[in-house]
């Protein structure tokens, strides 16, 4: 069973506006709390690229 973790900085009154993280067998799993059936598996390289992109172009 996958154990999802939410950030302590989750938004919204119910804390349901956030990205959740979990560790799969060989990858990191990401999902939005409001769409829990849509899971994005990322390799270490994928996570690194995502974090670099977000760091370079903050929303």
C-alpha atoms as a PDB file:
ATOM      1  CA  UNK A   1       0.000   0.000   0.000  1.00  0.00           C
ATOM      2  CA  UNK A   2       1.299   3.422  -0.958  1.00  0.00           C
ATOM      3  CA  UNK A   3       1.562   5.946   1.864  1.00  0.00           C
ATOM      4  CA  UNK A   4       1.064   9.478   0.586  1.00  0.00           C
ATOM      5  CA  UNK A   5       2.512  12.524   2.349  1.00  0.00           C
ATOM      6  CA  UNK A   6       1.142  16.059   2.243  1.00  0.00           C
ATOM      7  CA  UNK A   7       3.123  19.187   2.819  1.00  0.00           C
ATOM      8  CA  UNK A   8       2.506  21.070   6.044  1.00  0.00           C
ATOM      9  CA  UNK A   9       2.002  24.099   3.752  1.00  0.00           C
ATOM     10  CA  UNK A  10      -1.100  22.612   2.087  1.00  0.00           C
ATOM     11  CA  UNK A  11      -3.647  25.255   1.166  1.00  0.00           C
ATOM     12  CA  UNK A  12      -7.405  25.411   1.380  1.00  0.00           C
ATOM     13  CA  UNK A  13      -9.684  25.171   4.361  1.00  0.00           C
ATOM     14  CA  UNK A  14      -9.673  21.381   4.306  1.00  0.00           C
ATOM     15  CA  UNK A  15      -5.999  21.110   3.355  1.00  0.00           C
ATOM     16  CA  UNK A  16      -6.930  19.532   0.038  1.00  0.00           C
ATOM     17  CA  UNK A  17      -5.176  21.904  -2.362  1.00  0.00           C
ATOM     18  CA  UNK A  18      -1.731  20.390  -2.507  1.00  0.00           C
ATOM     19  CA  UNK A  19       0.640  17.993  -4.152  1.00  0.00           C
ATOM     20  CA  UNK A  20       1.141  14.674  -2.398  1.00  0.00           C
ATOM     21  CA  UNK A  21       4.311  12.576  -2.568  1.00  0.00           C
ATOM     22  CA  UNK A  22       4.960   8.879  -2.151  1.00  0.00           C
ATOM     23  CA  UNK A  23       7.840   6.506  -2.815  1.00  0.00           C
ATOM     24  CA  UNK A  24       7.214   3.794  -5.379  1.00  0.00           C
ATOM     25  CA  UNK A  25       9.439   0.814  -6.075  1.00  0.00           C
ATOM     26  CA  UNK A  26      11.900   2.715  -8.266  1.00  0.00           C
ATOM     27  CA  UNK A  27      10.422   6.182  -8.527  1.00  0.00           C
ATOM     28  CA  UNK A  28       8.839   9.098  -6.727  1.00  0.00           C
ATOM     29  CA  UNK A  29       5.078   9.361  -7.157  1.00  0.00           C
ATOM     30  CA  UNK A  30       3.267  12.707  -7.352  1.00  0.00           C
ATOM     31  CA  UNK A  31      -0.436  13.474  -7.371  1.00  0.00           C
ATOM     32  CA  UNK A  32      -2.780  16.363  -6.670  1.00  0.00           C
ATOM     33  CA  UNK A  33      -5.007  15.857  -3.666  1.00  0.00           C
ATOM     34  CA  UNK A  34      -8.082  16.911  -5.659  1.00  0.00           C
ATOM     35  CA  UNK A  35      -7.319  14.300  -8.390  1.00  0.00           C
ATOM     36  CA  UNK A  36      -5.898  11.323  -6.458  1.00  0.00           C
ATOM     37  CA  UNK A  37      -6.394   8.834  -9.305  1.00  0.00           C
ATOM     38  CA  UNK A  38      -3.975  10.718 -11.575  1.00  0.00           C
ATOM     39  CA  UNK A  39      -0.487   9.673 -10.470  1.00  0.00           C
ATOM     40  CA  UNK A  40       2.731  10.905 -12.059  1.00  0.00           C
ATOM     41  CA  UNK A  41       5.698   8.532 -11.581  1.00  0.00           C
ATOM     42  CA  UNK A  42       9.084  10.272 -11.815  1.00  0.00           C
ATOM     43  CA  UNK A  43      12.611   8.906 -11.911  1.00  0.00           C
ATOM     44  CA  UNK A  44      15.417  10.597  -9.975  1.00  0.00           C
ATOM     45  CA  UNK A  45      16.388  12.377 -13.181  1.00  0.00           C
ATOM     46  CA  UNK A  46      12.790  13.508 -13.691  1.00  0.00           C
ATOM     47  CA  UNK A  47      12.508  14.857 -10.141  1.00  0.00           C
ATOM     48  CA  UNK A  48      15.802  16.717 -10.530  1.00  0.00           C
ATOM     49  CA  UNK A  49      14.642  18.275 -13.808  1.00  0.00           C
ATOM     50  CA  UNK A  50      11.285  19.275 -12.277  1.00  0.00           C
ATOM     51  CA  UNK A  51      12.901  20.919  -9.250  1.00  0.00           C
ATOM     52  CA  UNK A  52      15.431  22.780 -11.402  1.00  0.00           C
ATOM     53  CA  UNK A  53      12.629  24.042 -13.644  1.00  0.00           C
ATOM     54  CA  UNK A  54      10.551  25.221 -10.679  1.00  0.00           C
ATOM     55  CA  UNK A  55      13.569  26.886  -9.087  1.00  0.00           C
ATOM     56  CA  UNK A  56      14.403  28.733 -12.333  1.00  0.00           C
ATOM     57  CA  UNK A  57      10.810  29.807 -13.041  1.00  0.00           C
ATOM     58  CA  UNK A  58       8.815  30.164  -9.812  1.00  0.00           C
ATOM     59  CA  UNK A  59       5.052  30.564 -10.285  1.00  0.00           C
END
